Amino acid sequence: MVASPVPALVAGRAFLLIPHRGEGLDEAALPGDYRKVLAIVRAADGPVQVRTVGEELGLEAAVRGKLEPLRAKMTKLADRGWLHKRPDGRFTARR
């Protein structure tokens, strides 16, 4: 079962907070924290772990609970087509 994105209501209008890639939008349509994550993954030499991105963002990577919200953001970016989540749990940027 695949969950479809739930639009948010702002001023009575519905829109996705994290839009699907390819809807005529570029990464400027993403909230700032998601753009930072995307930039870190794109700048990496290869697939990155959530911990690596967390360290770049200045999170306490040694504390697992600090990385879970970041993992959720990266998974959401992958679900919307901005990132690719590999079977080993690492992420790469989509070209």
C-alpha atoms as a PDB file:
ATOM      1  CA  MET A   1       0.000   0.000   0.000  1.00  0.00           C
ATOM      2  CA  VAL A   2       1.389   3.401  -0.987  1.00  0.00           C
ATOM      3  CA  ALA A   3       0.252   6.414   0.978  1.00  0.00           C
ATOM      4  CA  SER A   4      -0.522   9.393  -1.159  1.00  0.00           C
ATOM      5  CA  PRO A   5       0.634  12.807   0.020  1.00  0.00           C
ATOM      6  CA  VAL A   6      -1.836  14.783   2.062  1.00  0.00           C
ATOM      7  CA  PRO A   7      -2.171  18.404   1.001  1.00  0.00           C
ATOM      8  CA  ALA A   8      -2.038  21.121   3.652  1.00  0.00           C
ATOM      9  CA  LEU A   9      -4.586  23.899   3.762  1.00  0.00           C
ATOM     10  CA  VAL A  10      -3.181  27.410   3.783  1.00  0.00           C
ATOM     11  CA  ALA A  11      -5.548  30.337   3.407  1.00  0.00           C
ATOM     12  CA  GLY A  12      -8.201  27.888   2.243  1.00  0.00           C
ATOM     13  CA  ARG A  13      -6.028  26.522  -0.565  1.00  0.00           C
ATOM     14  CA  ALA A  14      -4.568  23.025  -0.643  1.00  0.00           C
ATOM     15  CA  PHE A  15      -0.945  22.374  -1.583  1.00  0.00           C
ATOM     16  CA  LEU A  16       1.800  19.880  -0.763  1.00  0.00           C
ATOM     17  CA  LEU A  17       4.405  21.115   1.677  1.00  0.00           C
ATOM     18  CA  ILE A  18       6.957  18.910  -0.080  1.00  0.00           C
ATOM     19  CA  PRO A  19       5.921  18.818  -3.747  1.00  0.00           C
ATOM     20  CA  HIS A  20       6.676  15.985  -6.117  1.00  0.00           C
ATOM     21  CA  ARG A  21       9.702  16.557  -8.291  1.00  0.00           C
ATOM     22  CA  GLY A  22       8.889  17.135 -11.931  1.00  0.00           C
ATOM     23  CA  GLU A  23       5.710  19.159 -11.520  1.00  0.00           C
ATOM     24  CA  GLY A  24       7.384  22.069 -13.254  1.00  0.00           C
ATOM     25  CA  LEU A  25       9.026  22.972  -9.944  1.00  0.00           C
ATOM     26  CA  ASP A  26      12.652  23.269  -8.990  1.00  0.00           C
ATOM     27  CA  GLU A  27      14.167  22.868  -5.557  1.00  0.00           C
ATOM     28  CA  ALA A  28      13.259  26.470  -4.684  1.00  0.00           C
ATOM     29  CA  ALA A  29       9.746  25.108  -4.054  1.00  0.00           C
ATOM     30  CA  LEU A  30      11.099  23.125  -1.080  1.00  0.00           C
ATOM     31  CA  PRO A  31      11.269  24.512   2.470  1.00  0.00           C
ATOM     32  CA  GLY A  32      14.757  25.720   3.455  1.00  0.00           C
ATOM     33  CA  ASP A  33      15.696  22.773   5.659  1.00  0.00           C
ATOM     34  CA  TYR A  34      14.827  20.342   2.860  1.00  0.00           C
ATOM     35  CA  ARG A  35      16.925  22.383   0.388  1.00  0.00           C
ATOM     36  CA  LYS A  36      19.896  22.128   2.784  1.00  0.00           C
ATOM     37  CA  VAL A  37      19.533  18.345   2.966  1.00  0.00           C
ATOM     38  CA  LEU A  38      19.297  18.122  -0.834  1.00  0.00           C
ATOM     39  CA  ALA A  39      22.412  20.297  -1.253  1.00  0.00           C
ATOM     40  CA  ILE A  40      24.435  18.121   1.139  1.00  0.00           C
ATOM     41  CA  VAL A  41      23.442  14.923  -0.662  1.00  0.00           C
ATOM     42  CA  ARG A  42      24.230  16.462  -4.059  1.00  0.00           C
ATOM     43  CA  ALA A  43      27.654  17.649  -2.891  1.00  0.00           C
ATOM     44  CA  ALA A  44      28.634  14.180  -1.646  1.00  0.00           C
ATOM     45  CA  ASP A  45      30.975  12.001  -3.698  1.00  0.00           C
ATOM     46  CA  GLY A  46      28.588   9.055  -3.469  1.00  0.00           C
ATOM     47  CA  PRO A  47      25.693   7.643  -1.482  1.00  0.00           C
ATOM     48  CA  VAL A  48      25.387   9.156   2.000  1.00  0.00           C
ATOM     49  CA  GLN A  49      24.054   7.910   5.302  1.00  0.00           C
ATOM     50  CA  VAL A  50      21.610   9.929   7.366  1.00  0.00           C
ATOM     51  CA  ARG A  51      24.324  10.264  10.021  1.00  0.00           C
ATOM     52  CA  THR A  52      26.646  12.005   7.546  1.00  0.00           C
ATOM     53  CA  VAL A  53      23.980  14.530   6.581  1.00  0.00           C
ATOM     54  CA  GLY A  54      23.173  15.063  10.264  1.00  0.00           C
ATOM     55  CA  GLU A  55      26.808  15.798  11.040  1.00  0.00           C
ATOM     56  CA  GLU A  56      26.929  18.337   8.188  1.00  0.00           C
ATOM     57  CA  LEU A  57      23.830  20.008   9.629  1.00  0.00           C
ATOM     58  CA  GLY A  58      25.406  20.148  13.091  1.00  0.00           C
ATOM     59  CA  LEU A  59      23.085  17.592  14.712  1.00  0.00           C
ATOM     60  CA  GLU A  60      24.220  15.360  17.560  1.00  0.00           C
ATOM     61  CA  ALA A  61      24.755  12.321  15.364  1.00  0.00           C
ATOM     62  CA  ALA A  62      25.753  10.142  18.323  1.00  0.00           C
ATOM     63  CA  VAL A  63      22.205  10.444  19.694  1.00  0.00           C
ATOM     64  CA  ARG A  64      19.982   8.233  17.535  1.00  0.00           C
ATOM     65  CA  GLY A  65      16.803  10.133  18.409  1.00  0.00           C
ATOM     66  CA  LYS A  66      18.298  13.304  16.946  1.00  0.00           C
ATOM     67  CA  LEU A  67      18.638  11.646  13.536  1.00  0.00           C
ATOM     68  CA  GLU A  68      15.127  10.192  13.247  1.00  0.00           C
ATOM     69  CA  PRO A  69      13.435  13.474  12.193  1.00  0.00           C
ATOM     70  CA  LEU A  70      16.190  13.915   9.585  1.00  0.00           C
ATOM     71  CA  ARG A  71      15.668  10.343   8.359  1.00  0.00           C
ATOM     72  CA  ALA A  72      11.953  11.135   7.962  1.00  0.00           C
ATOM     73  CA  LYS A  73      12.747  14.257   5.925  1.00  0.00           C
ATOM     74  CA  MET A  74      15.149  12.387   3.673  1.00  0.00           C
ATOM     75  CA  THR A  75      12.648   9.576   3.179  1.00  0.00           C
ATOM     76  CA  LYS A  76       9.969  12.132   2.296  1.00  0.00           C
ATOM     77  CA  LEU A  77      12.329  13.680  -0.273  1.00  0.00           C
ATOM     78  CA  ALA A  78      12.880  10.200  -1.711  1.00  0.00           C
ATOM     79  CA  ASP A  79       9.133   9.492  -1.788  1.00  0.00           C
ATOM     80  CA  ARG A  80       8.591  12.734  -3.722  1.00  0.00           C
ATOM     81  CA  GLY A  81      11.368  11.981  -6.227  1.00  0.00           C
ATOM     82  CA  TRP A  82      14.026  14.448  -5.066  1.00  0.00           C
ATOM     83  CA  LEU A  83      16.337  11.773  -3.629  1.00  0.00           C
ATOM     84  CA  HIS A  84      16.832   8.059  -4.212  1.00  0.00           C
ATOM     85  CA  LYS A  85      16.873   5.751  -1.191  1.00  0.00           C
ATOM     86  CA  ARG A  86      19.072   2.739  -1.836  1.00  0.00           C
ATOM     87  CA  PRO A  87      18.334  -0.716  -0.404  1.00  0.00           C
ATOM     88  CA  ASP A  88      21.236  -0.265   2.037  1.00  0.00           C
ATOM     89  CA  GLY A  89      19.531   2.812   3.538  1.00  0.00           C
ATOM     90  CA  ARG A  90      21.880   5.373   2.007  1.00  0.00           C
ATOM     91  CA  PHE A  91      20.660   8.226  -0.186  1.00  0.00           C
ATOM     92  CA  THR A  92      21.741   9.695  -3.509  1.00  0.00           C
ATOM     93  CA  ALA A  93      20.496  12.690  -5.463  1.00  0.00           C
ATOM     94  CA  ARG A  94      18.353  12.095  -8.516  1.00  0.00           C
ATOM     95  CA  ARG A  95      19.759  13.524 -11.700  1.00  0.00           C
END
